[in-house]
Amino acid sequence: MQKIIEQNDVVGIKYEVKEAKTGDVVDSNKDGEILKFIIGKGQIIPGLEKQLVGKKQDDRADILVEAKEAYGEYNAEAEQLVPIEQFGGIELEIGMPLYGQSEDGQTVAVRVKDLTDTTVLVDYNHPLAGKDLMFSVEIVKVREASEDEILSGQIKSDNDGCCGTGCGCH
């Protein structure tokens, strides 16, 4: 019998995610490494995590995650008009991602939403804010997390008891 996903389980998935409204693919790992995370540690968007609980290894599912349970609703107050001189001659384009530092030293990602000869409208919202997402998911692995994994939030090993080559666990 396959293990049912519950709190503190290590889960590995293959997925494709689309904007629900347009059907545009925004991310996928179907041809790459599986995405591994621990249920209950906030390592993936809340709406997807909630809907994976109760499923089991080898399940496939199409899961609709509303914006509020994904990257949040779009917040118009998270836009800021900035003088173009502050960008020091960077060739700006609408949609271009930019990275800077917040007052507390954290890296902040913004996008250029609009620009004129004198100003740049930057958007602090996540690019998928305000968008419902449709995940096509295949659950590849499910196992209980070790006590150390639960405490640290870091996945240390896989089903075979080794975390990969060169990790010192051989």
Protein backbone atom coordinates (compact mmCIF):
# COMPACT_ATOMS: atom_id res chain seq x y z
CA MET A 1 0.00 0.00 0.00
CA GLN A 2 1.34 3.45 -0.96
CA LYS A 3 2.00 6.01 1.78
CA ILE A 4 -0.58 8.80 1.94
CA ILE A 5 0.95 12.29 2.03
CA GLU A 6 0.71 14.01 5.40
CA GLN A 7 2.47 16.64 7.50
CA ASN A 8 6.30 16.30 7.64
CA ASP A 9 6.54 13.96 4.65
CA VAL A 10 9.22 14.41 2.02
CA VAL A 11 7.48 14.59 -1.35
CA GLY A 12 8.97 14.58 -4.85
CA ILE A 13 6.90 15.72 -7.81
CA LYS A 14 7.08 16.27 -11.53
CA TYR A 15 4.85 19.14 -12.60
CA GLU A 16 3.76 21.54 -15.27
CA VAL A 17 2.07 24.78 -14.23
CA LYS A 18 -0.03 26.98 -16.50
CA GLU A 19 -1.85 30.24 -16.05
CA ALA A 20 -5.39 28.96 -15.60
CA LYS A 21 -6.96 31.75 -17.64
CA THR A 22 -4.66 31.68 -20.68
CA GLY A 23 -3.26 28.14 -20.60
CA ASP A 24 0.26 29.53 -21.00
CA VAL A 25 2.92 27.27 -19.45
CA VAL A 26 4.83 29.26 -16.82
CA ASP A 27 7.02 26.50 -15.36
CA SER A 28 7.71 22.79 -15.68
CA ASN A 29 10.18 20.19 -14.50
CA LYS A 30 8.72 17.31 -16.55
CA ASP A 31 12.05 16.80 -18.34
CA GLY A 32 14.28 17.66 -15.37
CA GLU A 33 14.95 16.87 -11.74
CA ILE A 34 12.01 16.17 -9.47
CA LEU A 35 11.03 18.94 -7.06
CA LYS A 36 11.49 17.73 -3.46
CA PHE A 37 10.05 19.45 -0.41
CA ILE A 38 8.76 18.76 3.09
CA ILE A 39 5.02 19.12 3.68
CA GLY A 40 4.30 21.78 6.29
CA LYS A 41 7.55 23.74 5.88
CA GLY A 42 6.21 26.35 3.44
CA GLN A 43 8.65 25.30 0.72
CA ILE A 44 6.03 25.42 -2.05
CA ILE A 45 2.97 27.61 -2.56
CA PRO A 46 0.30 26.96 0.10
CA GLY A 47 -2.54 26.03 -2.24
CA LEU A 48 -0.56 23.28 -3.94
CA GLU A 49 0.78 21.93 -0.66
CA LYS A 50 -2.73 21.74 0.86
CA GLN A 51 -4.10 19.85 -2.14
CA LEU A 52 -1.26 17.32 -2.17
CA VAL A 53 -2.03 16.19 1.39
CA GLY A 54 -4.06 12.97 1.23
CA LYS A 55 -2.70 11.90 -2.16
CA LYS A 56 -0.10 9.14 -2.54
CA GLN A 57 2.94 8.13 -4.57
CA ASP A 58 2.20 7.51 -8.26
CA ASP A 59 -0.97 9.66 -8.15
CA ARG A 60 -1.45 12.14 -10.97
CA ALA A 61 -3.65 15.17 -10.52
CA ASP A 62 -4.68 18.44 -12.10
CA ILE A 63 -4.81 20.97 -9.28
CA LEU A 64 -6.25 24.47 -9.58
CA VAL A 65 -4.63 26.93 -7.16
CA GLU A 66 -6.33 30.29 -6.82
CA ALA A 67 -4.14 33.42 -6.78
CA LYS A 68 -4.67 34.03 -3.05
CA GLU A 69 -3.23 30.55 -2.31
CA ALA A 70 -0.39 30.93 -4.85
CA TYR A 71 1.52 34.21 -5.15
CA GLY A 72 -1.22 36.40 -3.71
CA GLU A 73 -3.56 38.93 -5.20
CA TYR A 74 -2.08 41.70 -7.34
CA ASN A 75 -1.36 44.75 -5.15
CA ALA A 76 -1.42 48.05 -7.08
CA GLU A 77 0.25 49.70 -4.06
CA ALA A 78 3.33 47.57 -4.78
CA GLU A 79 4.15 49.78 -7.76
CA GLN A 80 6.52 52.75 -7.49
CA LEU A 81 7.38 55.59 -9.86
CA VAL A 82 11.14 56.19 -9.80
CA PRO A 83 13.26 58.85 -11.59
CA ILE A 84 15.07 57.24 -14.52
CA GLU A 85 18.42 58.69 -13.31
CA GLN A 86 18.39 56.15 -10.47
CA PHE A 87 19.04 53.40 -13.00
CA GLY A 88 22.48 54.73 -13.98
CA GLY A 89 22.26 54.34 -17.74
CA ILE A 90 20.87 50.78 -17.77
CA GLU A 91 19.01 50.14 -21.03
CA LEU A 92 15.55 49.51 -19.61
CA GLU A 93 12.74 47.59 -21.30
CA ILE A 94 9.16 46.99 -20.23
CA GLY A 95 8.91 43.61 -18.50
CA MET A 96 12.62 43.59 -17.64
CA PRO A 97 13.48 42.15 -14.20
CA LEU A 98 15.72 44.25 -11.96
CA TYR A 99 17.35 43.42 -8.64
CA GLY A 100 18.25 45.77 -5.83
CA GLN A 101 18.57 45.97 -2.08
CA SER A 102 15.92 46.86 0.45
CA GLU A 103 16.64 49.09 3.43
CA ASP A 104 17.37 45.99 5.54
CA GLY A 105 19.87 44.62 3.00
CA GLN A 106 17.62 41.95 1.45
CA THR A 107 17.68 41.36 -2.30
CA VAL A 108 14.52 42.74 -3.91
CA ALA A 109 13.26 41.74 -7.36
CA VAL A 110 11.13 44.16 -9.36
CA ARG A 111 9.92 44.38 -12.94
CA VAL A 112 9.80 47.42 -15.19
CA LYS A 113 6.08 47.92 -15.75
CA ASP A 114 6.28 51.15 -17.74
CA LEU A 115 8.79 53.87 -18.58
CA THR A 116 9.04 57.36 -20.01
CA ASP A 117 12.00 59.61 -20.77
CA THR A 118 12.05 60.71 -17.12
CA THR A 119 10.44 57.99 -14.97
CA VAL A 120 10.27 54.23 -14.51
CA LEU A 121 7.26 52.46 -13.03
CA VAL A 122 8.61 49.46 -11.09
CA ASP A 123 6.40 46.63 -9.88
CA TYR A 124 7.28 44.75 -6.68
CA ASN A 125 4.54 42.11 -7.20
CA HIS A 126 5.57 38.57 -8.08
CA PRO A 127 5.08 38.07 -11.86
CA LEU A 128 2.33 35.51 -11.09
CA ALA A 129 0.53 37.61 -8.47
CA GLY A 130 -3.20 37.81 -9.17
CA LYS A 131 -3.16 34.72 -11.39
CA ASP A 132 -4.88 31.40 -10.79
CA LEU A 133 -2.58 28.49 -11.62
CA MET A 134 -3.31 25.01 -12.96
CA PHE A 135 -0.78 22.36 -11.92
CA SER A 136 -0.52 18.99 -13.65
CA VAL A 137 1.32 16.94 -11.04
CA GLU A 138 2.80 13.45 -10.84
CA ILE A 139 3.77 12.36 -7.33
CA VAL A 140 7.04 10.49 -7.77
CA LYS A 141 8.22 9.97 -4.17
CA VAL A 142 6.67 10.06 -0.71
CA ARG A 143 8.38 9.16 2.56
CA GLU A 144 8.45 10.27 6.15
CA ALA A 145 11.02 12.97 6.88
CA SER A 146 13.71 12.17 9.43
CA GLU A 147 13.75 14.06 12.71
CA ASP A 148 16.77 16.05 11.49
CA GLU A 149 14.97 16.96 8.24
CA ILE A 150 11.90 18.11 10.16
CA LEU A 151 14.01 20.31 12.45
CA SER A 152 16.23 21.79 9.73
CA GLY A 153 13.73 21.88 6.86
CA GLN A 154 16.51 20.45 4.67
CA ILE A 155 16.12 17.15 2.83
CA LYS A 156 19.16 15.07 3.80
CA SER A 157 18.61 11.76 2.08
CA ASP A 158 16.45 9.84 -0.31
CA ASN A 159 14.70 6.46 -0.05
CA ASP A 160 18.02 4.66 -0.41
CA GLY A 161 19.51 6.49 2.57
CA CYS A 162 21.99 8.56 0.55
CA CYS A 163 21.74 12.17 -0.49
CA GLY A 164 23.83 11.75 -3.64
CA THR A 165 27.46 11.61 -4.64
CA GLY A 166 30.12 13.52 -2.80
CA CYS A 167 27.94 14.21 0.23
CA GLY A 168 29.94 12.09 2.66
CA CYS A 169 27.11 9.69 3.44
CA HIS A 170 28.60 6.71 1.60
